[in-house]
Amino acid sequence: MRPRSRPTTADSGERVTDATDRRLTSDDSRVRFRFRASGPARTAPAVGDGTVYLACANGCTHAFDADDGTERWSRWVDGRPTAPTVSGDVVYGGSDRGTADRGSVVALDAATGDSRWEFETEGGVQASPTVANGEIFVAADDGRITALHEADGSRRRTFRNAARALCGLAHDGRRLLLASLDGGAYARNPTDGRERWRFASAVAVGGAPAMADDTAYVGTVDDGRVSAISATTGRERWRAATGGAVWASPTVADDTVFVGSRDGFVYAFDAEDGSVGWRTDLGARIWSSPTVADDALLVATDAGDVWALNREDGTVLWWCRATDAVVASVVVADATAYVADCGGTVTALSLSD
């Protein structure tokens, strides 16, 4: 059966909201504090146990208080780090080490920033490490995926993916989900590394597939489409088009697939058939995944704006301005949104009315 394709034009009956449908001024009253980091922030922060962890493009990782922005520690690593991954009392991060064909994974004490262990990889690491069942999974841009022991970083097993340039990694409890800029999305058995399926192997995929029930949702860079595929076989069930590249993973909530596109629109697709419920023009490119916060959808743009949209119809609830372009997803914890921008500032926004 051929996959169903859905248009995203106004003729399809969806609600289209323009960027001018917003408050006249930025809602700066929501700003709780701003934390100034030592370098540009192009990946999302992570929040754990009252602390925000941020990895900067210059190699510095900061930890600061989630309530008031007071810095707790900072630590430097070689190369450009990935977004941090927090698990218990440890912060994990990957790095390209700043040299060709080399990378590393480091485990830092979440309270002090002290190094617990470090593991060298044969290729640079672009995707954030993923923690599951006492193991750390690391995907390098030479196509290798390595499972490390969580306690000491010792290697347990390694397997190679068909595509290199691995830039997205997730674990859904049953399978490892991978994205590659060399082309394609992949599902592999986390125990023995066997490939379960591959999808769109000729097309660049920037974000790991998003899972919901028995379906995986994938966005593509080259042609800007969103596809729903079987989580068992990888067979495409439906596809829908956007007007620009989709660099990040879709976000799935309440039978709706939310996608940000480089064309400046946020799209809401029906998870069952791919029909477009609404799309909202934010007037600037979107590089990251939308973030669900109760009834709102939070999306940031490279114009430096942070938008809160109504999840039901895409209308603007409020918006606020960061201090620079934002290419990372907004992170929500305890009624606060944390926005990291390319100027090196994290803005904490209150989500309370």
Protein backbone atom coordinates (compact mmCIF):
# COMPACT_ATOMS: atom_id res chain seq x y z
CA MET A 1 0.00 0.00 0.00
CA ARG A 2 1.35 3.41 -0.96
CA PRO A 3 1.71 5.89 1.90
CA ARG A 4 -0.87 8.65 2.00
CA SER A 5 0.41 12.13 1.36
CA ARG A 6 -1.29 15.16 2.85
CA PRO A 7 -1.01 18.74 1.55
CA THR A 8 -0.25 21.65 3.85
CA THR A 9 -1.88 24.43 1.86
CA ALA A 10 -4.70 26.61 3.07
CA ASP A 11 -7.03 24.66 0.76
CA SER A 12 -6.76 21.61 3.00
CA GLY A 13 -8.98 23.27 5.61
CA GLU A 14 -6.50 23.68 8.45
CA ARG A 15 -6.29 26.80 10.54
CA VAL A 16 -3.47 29.13 9.46
CA THR A 17 -2.24 31.73 11.96
CA ASP A 18 0.12 34.54 10.99
CA ALA A 19 3.01 35.75 13.16
CA THR A 20 1.29 39.14 13.51
CA ASP A 21 -1.43 37.45 15.57
CA ARG A 22 0.36 38.15 18.84
CA ARG A 23 0.60 40.63 21.67
CA LEU A 24 2.05 43.96 20.69
CA THR A 25 4.93 43.69 23.15
CA SER A 26 7.07 40.93 24.55
CA ASP A 27 5.80 39.55 27.86
CA ASP A 28 8.97 40.37 29.79
CA SER A 29 7.15 39.98 33.09
CA ARG A 30 7.67 36.23 32.72
CA VAL A 31 11.46 36.51 32.95
CA ARG A 32 12.57 35.09 36.31
CA PHE A 33 16.31 35.43 35.74
CA ARG A 34 18.98 35.25 33.05
CA PHE A 35 22.15 33.21 33.40
CA ARG A 36 25.15 34.32 31.38
CA ALA A 37 27.33 31.42 30.23
CA SER A 38 30.92 31.55 29.03
CA GLY A 39 30.14 30.73 25.41
CA PRO A 40 27.42 30.19 22.77
CA ALA A 41 24.64 27.74 23.64
CA ARG A 42 23.40 25.76 20.64
CA THR A 43 22.06 22.73 22.50
CA ALA A 44 19.27 22.46 25.04
CA PRO A 45 20.00 22.55 28.77
CA ALA A 46 19.03 19.69 31.07
CA VAL A 47 17.37 20.01 34.45
CA GLY A 48 17.73 17.63 37.37
CA ASP A 49 17.15 17.93 41.11
CA GLY A 50 16.90 21.72 41.12
CA THR A 51 19.93 22.31 38.91
CA VAL A 52 20.21 23.37 35.28
CA TYR A 53 23.11 21.97 33.24
CA LEU A 54 24.26 23.73 30.07
CA ALA A 55 26.97 22.73 27.59
CA CYS A 56 28.43 25.61 25.58
CA ALA A 57 29.93 25.36 22.12
CA ASN A 58 33.31 26.50 23.47
CA GLY A 59 33.59 23.36 25.63
CA CYS A 60 32.42 24.68 28.99
CA THR A 61 29.63 22.97 30.93
CA HIS A 62 27.85 25.05 33.56
CA ALA A 63 25.63 24.02 36.44
CA PHE A 64 23.40 26.65 38.03
CA ASP A 65 20.48 26.87 40.44
CA ALA A 66 17.14 26.34 38.71
CA ASP A 67 15.39 28.88 40.97
CA ASP A 68 17.67 31.89 40.85
CA GLY A 69 20.47 31.19 38.35
CA THR A 70 23.31 31.09 40.90
CA GLU A 71 26.22 29.19 39.37
CA ARG A 72 27.25 26.03 41.21
CA TRP A 73 30.17 24.85 39.10
CA SER A 74 31.67 24.88 35.63
CA ARG A 75 33.97 22.47 33.83
CA TRP A 76 35.86 22.55 30.53
CA VAL A 77 36.24 19.69 28.05
CA ASP A 78 38.10 19.43 24.76
CA GLY A 79 36.03 20.04 21.65
CA ARG A 80 32.39 20.91 21.21
CA PRO A 81 30.09 19.11 23.65
CA THR A 82 26.66 17.64 23.08
CA ALA A 83 23.63 18.57 25.13
CA PRO A 84 24.00 17.07 28.63
CA THR A 85 22.10 14.01 29.79
CA VAL A 86 21.23 13.81 33.50
CA SER A 87 20.69 10.48 35.22
CA GLY A 88 20.58 10.33 39.00
CA ASP A 89 23.66 12.08 40.39
CA VAL A 90 25.64 12.01 37.13
CA VAL A 91 25.74 14.28 34.09
CA TYR A 92 26.83 12.65 30.83
CA GLY A 93 28.02 14.43 27.72
CA GLY A 94 29.70 13.65 24.43
CA SER A 95 32.29 15.68 22.55
CA ASP A 96 34.11 15.73 19.23
CA ARG A 97 37.34 16.44 21.14
CA GLY A 98 38.24 19.10 18.58
CA THR A 99 40.32 16.72 16.45
CA ALA A 100 39.47 14.68 13.37
CA ASP A 101 38.01 11.23 13.93
CA ARG A 102 38.19 11.43 17.70
CA GLY A 103 35.59 11.96 20.37
CA SER A 104 34.79 11.19 23.96
CA VAL A 105 32.08 10.65 26.52
CA VAL A 106 32.51 12.05 29.99
CA ALA A 107 30.60 11.38 33.22
CA LEU A 108 30.56 14.28 35.68
CA ASP A 109 29.41 14.35 39.27
CA ALA A 110 26.16 16.34 39.16
CA ALA A 111 26.83 18.09 42.48
CA THR A 112 30.48 19.07 41.98
CA GLY A 113 31.33 18.72 38.29
CA ASP A 114 34.21 16.39 39.11
CA SER A 115 34.99 13.78 36.47
CA ARG A 116 33.98 10.22 37.32
CA TRP A 117 35.15 8.60 34.11
CA GLU A 118 35.87 9.31 30.46
CA PHE A 119 35.68 7.07 27.39
CA GLU A 120 37.30 7.82 24.03
CA THR A 121 35.45 7.12 20.80
CA GLU A 122 36.85 6.61 17.31
CA GLY A 123 34.58 9.29 15.86
CA GLY A 124 33.25 12.60 17.10
CA VAL A 125 30.06 12.53 19.15
CA GLN A 126 27.20 14.80 18.03
CA ALA A 127 24.23 13.03 19.63
CA SER A 128 23.62 13.29 23.37
CA PRO A 129 24.32 10.01 25.20
CA THR A 130 21.27 7.99 26.18
CA VAL A 131 20.87 6.11 29.47
CA ALA A 132 18.87 2.88 29.71
CA ASN A 133 18.99 -0.16 31.98
CA GLY A 134 22.30 0.69 33.61
CA GLU A 135 24.04 1.40 30.31
CA ILE A 136 25.14 4.52 28.44
CA PHE A 137 24.62 4.38 24.68
CA VAL A 138 26.90 6.55 22.56
CA ALA A 139 26.62 7.15 18.81
CA ALA A 140 29.67 8.49 16.99
CA ASP A 141 29.92 10.04 13.54
CA ASP A 142 31.92 7.06 12.26
CA GLY A 143 28.72 5.00 12.49
CA ARG A 144 29.64 3.13 15.66
CA ILE A 145 27.21 2.74 18.57
CA THR A 146 28.79 1.74 21.88
CA ALA A 147 27.16 0.56 25.09
CA LEU A 148 29.09 1.56 28.21
CA HIS A 149 28.71 0.45 31.80
CA GLU A 150 27.03 3.29 33.67
CA ALA A 151 29.19 2.94 36.77
CA ASP A 152 32.69 3.08 35.30
CA GLY A 153 32.38 3.74 31.55
CA SER A 154 33.84 0.37 30.56
CA ARG A 155 32.83 -0.84 27.10
CA ARG A 156 30.30 -3.64 27.00
CA ARG A 157 29.71 -3.93 23.23
CA THR A 158 29.98 -2.00 19.99
CA PHE A 159 28.15 -2.29 16.69
CA ARG A 160 28.23 -0.30 13.48
CA ASN A 161 25.33 1.43 11.77
CA ALA A 162 24.87 1.42 7.99
CA ALA A 163 25.06 5.23 7.85
CA ARG A 164 27.68 7.38 9.51
CA ALA A 165 27.28 10.98 10.74
CA LEU A 166 24.95 9.87 13.56
CA CYS A 167 23.42 13.01 15.04
CA GLY A 168 20.35 11.77 16.92
CA LEU A 169 19.95 8.97 19.47
CA ALA A 170 17.06 7.81 21.64
CA HIS A 171 15.97 4.68 23.52
CA ASP A 172 12.26 3.88 23.77
CA GLY A 173 12.63 0.92 26.12
CA ARG A 174 12.69 -1.66 23.33
CA ARG A 175 14.92 -0.25 20.62
CA LEU A 176 17.62 2.27 19.88
CA LEU A 177 16.46 4.98 17.50
CA LEU A 178 19.05 6.77 15.39
CA ALA A 179 19.20 9.66 12.93
CA SER A 180 21.94 10.29 10.40
CA LEU A 181 22.86 13.28 8.27
CA ASP A 182 24.38 10.76 5.85
CA GLY A 183 20.83 9.58 5.34
CA GLY A 184 18.08 7.79 7.15
CA ALA A 185 16.48 6.88 10.44
CA TYR A 186 17.26 3.53 12.03
CA ALA A 187 15.99 1.21 14.75
CA ARG A 188 18.39 -1.29 16.29
CA ASN A 189 18.22 -3.91 18.98
CA PRO A 190 20.03 -2.42 22.01
CA THR A 191 21.22 -5.85 23.17
CA ASP A 192 22.85 -7.29 20.07
CA GLY A 193 22.82 -4.31 17.71
CA ARG A 194 20.77 -5.99 14.99
CA GLU A 195 19.06 -3.59 12.65
CA ARG A 196 15.29 -3.82 12.92
CA TRP A 197 14.51 -1.32 10.19
CA ARG A 198 15.82 1.66 8.30
CA PHE A 199 13.87 4.49 6.73
CA ALA A 200 14.67 7.16 4.09
CA SER A 201 18.27 6.03 3.80
CA ALA A 202 18.90 8.47 0.91
CA VAL A 203 17.64 11.50 2.86
CA ALA A 204 19.29 13.37 5.75
CA VAL A 205 17.51 13.02 9.11
CA GLY A 206 18.53 15.43 11.86
CA GLY A 207 16.51 14.23 14.86
CA ALA A 208 15.88 10.77 16.29
CA PRO A 209 12.43 9.29 15.53
CA ALA A 210 9.74 10.16 18.07
CA MET A 211 7.74 7.19 19.35
CA ALA A 212 4.07 6.90 20.24
CA ASP A 213 2.46 3.50 20.66
CA ASP A 214 3.41 1.43 17.59
CA THR A 215 4.38 4.36 15.37
CA ALA A 216 7.60 6.29 14.86
CA TYR A 217 7.49 9.85 13.50
CA VAL A 218 10.41 11.20 11.47
CA GLY A 219 11.22 14.60 10.00
CA THR A 220 13.61 14.99 7.07
CA VAL A 221 16.08 17.73 6.22
CA ASP A 222 16.33 17.44 2.44
CA ASP A 223 12.66 17.59 1.49
CA GLY A 224 11.05 18.87 4.69
CA ARG A 225 8.55 16.11 5.09
CA VAL A 226 7.13 14.35 8.14
CA SER A 227 6.47 10.62 7.97
CA ALA A 228 4.70 8.18 10.23
CA ILE A 229 6.20 4.71 10.03
CA SER A 230 5.57 1.36 11.64
CA ALA A 231 7.72 0.97 14.74
CA THR A 232 7.96 -2.74 13.92
CA THR A 233 8.79 -2.78 10.21
CA GLY A 234 9.72 0.81 9.31
CA ARG A 235 7.08 0.86 6.58
CA GLU A 236 5.67 4.31 5.89
CA ARG A 237 2.02 4.84 6.85
CA TRP A 238 1.59 8.46 5.82
CA ARG A 239 3.66 11.47 4.88
CA ALA A 240 3.02 15.21 4.99
CA ALA A 241 4.98 18.13 3.60
CA THR A 242 6.24 21.32 5.22
CA GLY A 243 7.70 24.29 3.41
CA GLY A 244 11.26 23.85 4.69
CA ALA A 245 13.78 21.50 6.25
CA VAL A 246 12.77 19.70 9.45
CA TRP A 247 15.98 19.48 11.49
CA ALA A 248 14.69 18.21 14.83
CA SER A 249 12.57 15.36 16.13
CA PRO A 250 8.79 15.76 15.98
CA THR A 251 6.94 16.10 19.29
CA VAL A 252 3.96 13.82 19.87
CA ALA A 253 1.20 14.55 22.41
CA ASP A 254 -2.51 13.69 22.60
CA ASP A 255 -2.68 12.13 19.12
CA THR A 256 -1.03 15.16 17.52
CA VAL A 257 2.40 15.46 15.92
CA PHE A 258 3.95 18.92 16.34
CA VAL A 259 6.78 19.94 14.02
CA GLY A 260 8.87 23.08 13.61
CA SER A 261 10.18 23.80 10.11
CA ARG A 262 12.85 26.00 8.62
CA ASP A 263 10.05 27.77 6.71
CA GLY A 264 9.08 29.44 10.01
CA PHE A 265 5.85 27.51 10.52
CA VAL A 266 4.82 25.24 13.38
CA TYR A 267 2.62 22.39 12.13
CA ALA A 268 0.12 20.24 13.99
CA PHE A 269 -0.55 16.93 12.19
CA ASP A 270 -3.10 14.32 13.12
CA ALA A 271 -1.05 11.36 14.37
CA GLU A 272 -3.41 8.85 12.76
CA ASP A 273 -3.64 10.10 9.18
CA GLY A 274 -1.28 13.08 8.80
CA SER A 275 -3.97 15.67 8.11
CA VAL A 276 -3.04 19.21 9.14
CA GLY A 277 -5.01 20.58 12.07
CA TRP A 278 -3.30 23.97 12.10
CA ARG A 279 -0.09 25.76 11.22
CA THR A 280 1.25 28.99 12.64
CA ASP A 281 3.77 31.30 11.00
CA LEU A 282 6.33 32.54 13.53
CA GLY A 283 8.19 34.63 10.98
CA ALA A 284 11.66 33.09 11.50
CA ARG A 285 13.38 29.75 11.06
CA ILE A 286 12.79 26.95 13.57
CA TRP A 287 15.63 24.50 14.20
CA SER A 288 14.42 22.63 17.28
CA SER A 289 11.60 20.43 18.53
CA PRO A 290 8.48 22.06 20.00
CA THR A 291 8.01 21.55 23.75
CA VAL A 292 4.70 20.68 25.38
CA ALA A 293 3.87 22.58 28.57
CA ASP A 294 0.36 21.67 29.75
CA ASP A 295 -2.05 23.24 27.21
CA ALA A 296 0.69 25.27 25.55
CA LEU A 297 3.31 24.49 22.94
CA LEU A 298 6.61 26.34 23.36
CA VAL A 299 8.68 27.08 20.26
CA ALA A 300 11.78 29.25 19.80
CA THR A 301 13.14 30.77 16.58
CA ASP A 302 16.46 32.03 15.29
CA ALA A 303 15.06 35.55 15.52
CA GLY A 304 15.35 35.12 19.29
CA ASP A 305 11.62 34.89 20.03
CA VAL A 306 10.00 32.32 22.32
CA TRP A 307 6.36 31.58 21.54
CA ALA A 308 3.62 29.94 23.58
CA LEU A 309 0.92 28.58 21.27
CA ASN A 310 -2.43 27.09 22.07
CA ARG A 311 -2.05 23.38 21.35
CA GLU A 312 -5.62 23.10 20.11
CA ASP A 313 -5.59 25.75 17.38
CA GLY A 314 -2.09 27.27 17.18
CA THR A 315 -3.12 30.76 18.27
CA VAL A 316 -0.57 32.79 20.21
CA LEU A 317 -0.96 32.83 24.00
CA TRP A 318 2.12 34.97 24.68
CA TRP A 319 5.61 35.53 23.43
CA CYS A 320 8.89 36.67 24.94
CA ARG A 321 12.24 37.66 23.54
CA ALA A 322 15.53 35.94 24.35
CA THR A 323 18.81 37.84 24.08
CA ASP A 324 19.94 36.17 20.83
CA ALA A 325 19.00 33.57 18.23
CA VAL A 326 17.68 30.29 19.62
CA VAL A 327 18.37 26.99 17.84
CA ALA A 328 17.81 24.62 20.79
CA SER A 329 14.57 23.31 22.22
CA VAL A 330 12.96 24.99 25.21
CA VAL A 331 13.21 22.86 28.35
CA VAL A 332 10.42 22.87 30.95
CA ALA A 333 10.70 21.94 34.62
CA ASP A 334 8.57 22.95 37.62
CA ALA A 335 6.49 25.59 35.80
CA THR A 336 9.60 27.24 34.38
CA ALA A 337 10.85 27.29 30.80
CA TYR A 338 14.60 27.47 30.21
CA VAL A 339 15.72 28.97 26.89
CA ALA A 340 19.39 28.78 25.84
CA ASP A 341 20.44 31.15 23.06
CA CYS A 342 23.41 31.50 20.72
CA GLY A 343 24.66 34.52 22.63
CA GLY A 344 25.34 32.35 25.67
CA THR A 345 22.39 33.34 27.86
CA VAL A 346 19.80 31.09 29.45
CA THR A 347 16.50 32.87 30.10
CA ALA A 348 14.21 31.36 32.73
CA LEU A 349 10.54 32.11 32.01
CA SER A 350 7.66 31.59 34.41
CA LEU A 351 4.81 29.53 32.95
CA SER A 352 2.37 30.54 35.68
CA ASP A 353 -0.44 32.90 34.71
